[in-house]
Amino acid sequence: MEIYHGSLVVVDKPEIRKSDRFLDFGYGFYTTASQVQASRWGEKLRLRVGEQKSFISVYDFDYEKAKRDLAILEFSGATDDWLQFVCDNRNGRDVKQYDIIIGPVADDKIYQVVRFFEMGAYDKDEALKRLKVETLFNQVLFHTGKSLGFLKYKSYKEER
């Protein structure tokens, strides 16, 4: 499976990095099966820091072997379990750790629905109903050093 990582630099040697903020699936190395989503991540970073270009690093991910050898949590869409997992991670609550986590991205638009759910403005059914009408890109988080062994760097694309 081909996957992508949008960044301000070419990432030919991925690393597990802990963030100073809480993210959808916790800390690690975030990728996506969508080149469009990787481009958006790169553009968002580029605009935030005023850079002229960003990069999409391209990898081969041996998904079938990873499924046999690693602890993988995979969400098929914006489900009850996904919503709770994202809320728990974004609020710094302890969650069960996996080598790889795959599921929808709670981007800024999606995260607004998640925040309304957390604040009690939406119950779970209303939040999920609103999420189901959105186009949800996926993300693949590599959470452990062991999981990075299933990635092979291929190439990069420069974007302006």
C-alpha atoms as a PDB file:
ATOM      1  CA  MET A   1       0.000   0.000   0.000  1.00  0.00           C
ATOM      2  CA  GLU A   2       1.325   3.457  -0.885  1.00  0.00           C
ATOM      3  CA  ILE A   3       1.027   6.097   1.839  1.00  0.00           C
ATOM      4  CA  TYR A   4       2.103   9.735   2.175  1.00  0.00           C
ATOM      5  CA  HIS A   5       3.403  12.252   4.711  1.00  0.00           C
ATOM      6  CA  GLY A   6       3.095  16.015   4.186  1.00  0.00           C
ATOM      7  CA  SER A   7       5.811  18.146   5.773  1.00  0.00           C
ATOM      8  CA  LEU A   8       8.183  21.069   5.337  1.00  0.00           C
ATOM      9  CA  VAL A   9      11.042  18.623   4.752  1.00  0.00           C
ATOM     10  CA  VAL A  10      11.579  15.331   2.980  1.00  0.00           C
ATOM     11  CA  VAL A  11      11.228  12.559   5.563  1.00  0.00           C
ATOM     12  CA  ASP A  12      13.253   9.627   4.268  1.00  0.00           C
ATOM     13  CA  LYS A  13      13.850   8.229   7.776  1.00  0.00           C
ATOM     14  CA  PRO A  14      10.585   8.477   9.745  1.00  0.00           C
ATOM     15  CA  GLU A  15      10.766   8.808  13.530  1.00  0.00           C
ATOM     16  CA  ILE A  16       8.299   8.502  16.364  1.00  0.00           C
ATOM     17  CA  ARG A  17       7.875  12.010  17.754  1.00  0.00           C
ATOM     18  CA  LYS A  18       6.023  13.169  20.808  1.00  0.00           C
ATOM     19  CA  SER A  19       4.005  16.309  20.224  1.00  0.00           C
ATOM     20  CA  ASP A  20       3.547  19.252  22.564  1.00  0.00           C
ATOM     21  CA  ARG A  21      -0.174  19.021  21.874  1.00  0.00           C
ATOM     22  CA  PHE A  22      -2.664  16.187  21.975  1.00  0.00           C
ATOM     23  CA  LEU A  23      -3.527  14.703  18.562  1.00  0.00           C
ATOM     24  CA  ASP A  24      -6.274  12.404  17.226  1.00  0.00           C
ATOM     25  CA  PHE A  25      -4.436   9.135  17.779  1.00  0.00           C
ATOM     26  CA  GLY A  26      -1.657  10.227  20.144  1.00  0.00           C
ATOM     27  CA  TYR A  27       2.013  10.699  19.352  1.00  0.00           C
ATOM     28  CA  GLY A  28       3.937   9.049  16.545  1.00  0.00           C
ATOM     29  CA  PHE A  29       4.482   9.376  12.807  1.00  0.00           C
ATOM     30  CA  TYR A  30       1.317  10.382  10.925  1.00  0.00           C
ATOM     31  CA  THR A  31       0.703   9.360   7.314  1.00  0.00           C
ATOM     32  CA  THR A  32      -2.299   8.998   5.025  1.00  0.00           C
ATOM     33  CA  ALA A  33      -3.387   6.897   2.061  1.00  0.00           C
ATOM     34  CA  SER A  34      -4.580  10.140   0.421  1.00  0.00           C
ATOM     35  CA  GLN A  35      -2.070  12.224  -1.493  1.00  0.00           C
ATOM     36  CA  VAL A  36      -4.601  15.091  -1.336  1.00  0.00           C
ATOM     37  CA  GLN A  37      -4.652  14.920   2.470  1.00  0.00           C
ATOM     38  CA  ALA A  38      -0.832  14.838   2.659  1.00  0.00           C
ATOM     39  CA  SER A  39      -0.743  17.903   0.410  1.00  0.00           C
ATOM     40  CA  ARG A  40      -3.181  19.682   2.753  1.00  0.00           C
ATOM     41  CA  TRP A  41      -1.012  18.851   5.773  1.00  0.00           C
ATOM     42  CA  GLY A  42       2.051  20.256   3.994  1.00  0.00           C
ATOM     43  CA  GLU A  43       0.188  23.380   2.875  1.00  0.00           C
ATOM     44  CA  LYS A  44      -1.140  23.995   6.380  1.00  0.00           C
ATOM     45  CA  LEU A  45       2.399  23.830   7.795  1.00  0.00           C
ATOM     46  CA  ARG A  46       3.756  26.004   4.980  1.00  0.00           C
ATOM     47  CA  LEU A  47       1.188  28.725   5.645  1.00  0.00           C
ATOM     48  CA  ARG A  48       1.653  28.548   9.414  1.00  0.00           C
ATOM     49  CA  VAL A  49       5.405  29.254   9.253  1.00  0.00           C
ATOM     50  CA  GLY A  50       5.589  31.250   6.022  1.00  0.00           C
ATOM     51  CA  GLU A  51       7.578  28.733   3.954  1.00  0.00           C
ATOM     52  CA  GLN A  52       7.521  28.746   0.145  1.00  0.00           C
ATOM     53  CA  LYS A  53       7.396  24.991  -0.357  1.00  0.00           C
ATOM     54  CA  SER A  54       6.450  21.730   1.284  1.00  0.00           C
ATOM     55  CA  PHE A  55       7.046  18.079   0.489  1.00  0.00           C
ATOM     56  CA  ILE A  56       5.051  14.903   0.250  1.00  0.00           C
ATOM     57  CA  SER A  57       7.178  11.912   1.211  1.00  0.00           C
ATOM     58  CA  VAL A  58       5.986   8.652  -0.359  1.00  0.00           C
ATOM     59  CA  TYR A  59       6.298   5.213   1.261  1.00  0.00           C
ATOM     60  CA  ASP A  60       5.439   1.603   0.655  1.00  0.00           C
ATOM     61  CA  PHE A  61       3.615   0.198   3.685  1.00  0.00           C
ATOM     62  CA  ASP A  62       3.514  -3.574   4.027  1.00  0.00           C
ATOM     63  CA  TYR A  63       0.011  -3.547   5.469  1.00  0.00           C
ATOM     64  CA  GLU A  64      -0.624  -7.281   5.121  1.00  0.00           C
ATOM     65  CA  LYS A  65       2.537  -8.219   7.018  1.00  0.00           C
ATOM     66  CA  ALA A  66       1.848  -5.537   9.620  1.00  0.00           C
ATOM     67  CA  LYS A  67      -1.644  -6.984  10.218  1.00  0.00           C
ATOM     68  CA  ARG A  68      -0.041 -10.345  11.016  1.00  0.00           C
ATOM     69  CA  ASP A  69       2.809  -9.052  13.194  1.00  0.00           C
ATOM     70  CA  LEU A  70       1.600  -5.917  15.000  1.00  0.00           C
ATOM     71  CA  ALA A  71      -1.164  -4.647  17.260  1.00  0.00           C
ATOM     72  CA  ILE A  72      -3.297  -2.538  14.914  1.00  0.00           C
ATOM     73  CA  LEU A  73      -6.428  -0.596  15.760  1.00  0.00           C
ATOM     74  CA  GLU A  74      -8.462   0.215  12.659  1.00  0.00           C
ATOM     75  CA  PHE A  75     -11.611   2.329  12.491  1.00  0.00           C
ATOM     76  CA  SER A  76     -13.804   1.857   9.414  1.00  0.00           C
ATOM     77  CA  GLY A  77     -15.280   5.336   9.732  1.00  0.00           C
ATOM     78  CA  ALA A  78     -16.641   7.883  12.181  1.00  0.00           C
ATOM     79  CA  THR A  79     -17.988   5.354  14.686  1.00  0.00           C
ATOM     80  CA  ASP A  80     -18.816   5.589  18.392  1.00  0.00           C
ATOM     81  CA  ASP A  81     -15.481   3.969  19.235  1.00  0.00           C
ATOM     82  CA  TRP A  82     -13.540   6.294  16.906  1.00  0.00           C
ATOM     83  CA  LEU A  83     -15.217   9.388  18.391  1.00  0.00           C
ATOM     84  CA  GLN A  84     -14.423   8.294  21.941  1.00  0.00           C
ATOM     85  CA  PHE A  85     -10.835   7.359  21.044  1.00  0.00           C
ATOM     86  CA  VAL A  86     -10.185  10.751  19.397  1.00  0.00           C
ATOM     87  CA  CYS A  87     -11.746  12.605  22.339  1.00  0.00           C
ATOM     88  CA  ASP A  88      -9.679  10.614  24.825  1.00  0.00           C
ATOM     89  CA  ASN A  89      -6.442  11.285  22.921  1.00  0.00           C
ATOM     90  CA  ARG A  90      -7.143  14.968  22.332  1.00  0.00           C
ATOM     91  CA  ASN A  91      -7.825  15.396  26.043  1.00  0.00           C
ATOM     92  CA  GLY A  92      -4.667  13.561  27.129  1.00  0.00           C
ATOM     93  CA  ARG A  93      -6.489  10.611  28.692  1.00  0.00           C
ATOM     94  CA  ASP A  94      -4.682   7.291  28.840  1.00  0.00           C
ATOM     95  CA  VAL A  95      -5.780   4.931  26.102  1.00  0.00           C
ATOM     96  CA  LYS A  96      -4.655   1.447  25.169  1.00  0.00           C
ATOM     97  CA  GLN A  97      -1.519   1.641  23.055  1.00  0.00           C
ATOM     98  CA  TYR A  98      -1.202   0.047  19.612  1.00  0.00           C
ATOM     99  CA  ASP A  99       1.651  -0.198  17.126  1.00  0.00           C
ATOM    100  CA  ILE A 100      -0.457   1.321  14.344  1.00  0.00           C
ATOM    101  CA  ILE A 101      -3.789   3.152  14.356  1.00  0.00           C
ATOM    102  CA  ILE A 102      -5.801   3.688  11.169  1.00  0.00           C
ATOM    103  CA  GLY A 103      -8.940   5.756  10.810  1.00  0.00           C
ATOM    104  CA  PRO A 104     -10.527   9.068   9.809  1.00  0.00           C
ATOM    105  CA  VAL A 105      -8.773  12.407  10.336  1.00  0.00           C
ATOM    106  CA  ALA A 106     -10.473  14.849  12.674  1.00  0.00           C
ATOM    107  CA  ASP A 107      -9.377  17.905  10.684  1.00  0.00           C
ATOM    108  CA  ASP A 108     -10.429  21.428  11.709  1.00  0.00           C
ATOM    109  CA  LYS A 109     -13.968  21.107  10.295  1.00  0.00           C
ATOM    110  CA  ILE A 110     -14.470  17.631  11.731  1.00  0.00           C
ATOM    111  CA  TYR A 111     -12.912  18.605  15.034  1.00  0.00           C
ATOM    112  CA  GLN A 112     -15.530  21.332  15.476  1.00  0.00           C
ATOM    113  CA  VAL A 113     -18.168  18.572  15.648  1.00  0.00           C
ATOM    114  CA  VAL A 114     -15.954  16.644  18.096  1.00  0.00           C
ATOM    115  CA  ARG A 115     -15.621  19.753  20.323  1.00  0.00           C
ATOM    116  CA  PHE A 116     -19.403  20.298  20.345  1.00  0.00           C
ATOM    117  CA  PHE A 117     -19.787  16.664  21.394  1.00  0.00           C
ATOM    118  CA  GLU A 118     -17.211  17.081  24.176  1.00  0.00           C
ATOM    119  CA  MET A 119     -18.947  20.232  25.428  1.00  0.00           C
ATOM    120  CA  GLY A 120     -22.328  18.468  25.464  1.00  0.00           C
ATOM    121  CA  ALA A 121     -23.864  20.581  22.684  1.00  0.00           C
ATOM    122  CA  TYR A 122     -24.253  17.385  20.607  1.00  0.00           C
ATOM    123  CA  ASP A 123     -25.035  13.947  21.943  1.00  0.00           C
ATOM    124  CA  LYS A 124     -23.165  11.012  20.396  1.00  0.00           C
ATOM    125  CA  ASP A 125     -25.911  10.294  17.827  1.00  0.00           C
ATOM    126  CA  GLU A 126     -26.022  13.925  16.641  1.00  0.00           C
ATOM    127  CA  ALA A 127     -22.224  14.142  16.406  1.00  0.00           C
ATOM    128  CA  LEU A 128     -21.986  10.923  14.400  1.00  0.00           C
ATOM    129  CA  LYS A 129     -24.833  12.020  12.110  1.00  0.00           C
ATOM    130  CA  ARG A 130     -22.974  15.267  11.345  1.00  0.00           C
ATOM    131  CA  LEU A 131     -19.687  13.429  10.789  1.00  0.00           C
ATOM    132  CA  LYS A 132     -21.202  10.959   8.334  1.00  0.00           C
ATOM    133  CA  VAL A 133     -22.013  13.720   5.817  1.00  0.00           C
ATOM    134  CA  GLU A 134     -18.410  14.944   5.736  1.00  0.00           C
ATOM    135  CA  THR A 135     -15.652  13.637   3.483  1.00  0.00           C
ATOM    136  CA  LEU A 136     -13.336  11.919   5.925  1.00  0.00           C
ATOM    137  CA  PHE A 137      -9.752  11.366   4.849  1.00  0.00           C
ATOM    138  CA  ASN A 138      -7.860   8.601   6.576  1.00  0.00           C
ATOM    139  CA  GLN A 139      -4.706   8.719   8.615  1.00  0.00           C
ATOM    140  CA  VAL A 140      -2.266   5.968   9.488  1.00  0.00           C
ATOM    141  CA  LEU A 141      -0.338   6.560  12.702  1.00  0.00           C
ATOM    142  CA  PHE A 142       2.862   4.646  13.335  1.00  0.00           C
ATOM    143  CA  HIS A 143       3.056   4.669  17.110  1.00  0.00           C
ATOM    144  CA  THR A 144       6.072   2.437  17.842  1.00  0.00           C
ATOM    145  CA  GLY A 145       9.572   2.040  16.499  1.00  0.00           C
ATOM    146  CA  LYS A 146       8.703  -1.530  15.586  1.00  0.00           C
ATOM    147  CA  SER A 147       5.881  -0.312  13.340  1.00  0.00           C
ATOM    148  CA  LEU A 148       8.243   1.921  11.350  1.00  0.00           C
ATOM    149  CA  GLY A 149       9.991  -1.244  10.146  1.00  0.00           C
ATOM    150  CA  PHE A 150       6.959  -1.845   7.902  1.00  0.00           C
ATOM    151  CA  LEU A 151       7.530   1.411   5.999  1.00  0.00           C
ATOM    152  CA  LYS A 152       9.902   1.790   3.073  1.00  0.00           C
ATOM    153  CA  TYR A 153      10.716   5.262   1.773  1.00  0.00           C
ATOM    154  CA  LYS A 154      10.217   5.544  -2.017  1.00  0.00           C
ATOM    155  CA  SER A 155      10.347   9.158  -3.150  1.00  0.00           C
ATOM    156  CA  TYR A 156       9.093  12.677  -2.570  1.00  0.00           C
ATOM    157  CA  LYS A 157       7.138  15.376  -4.370  1.00  0.00           C
ATOM    158  CA  GLU A 158       7.807  19.070  -3.920  1.00  0.00           C
ATOM    159  CA  GLU A 159       4.854  21.444  -3.701  1.00  0.00           C
ATOM    160  CA  ARG A 160       4.624  25.232  -3.882  1.00  0.00           C
END
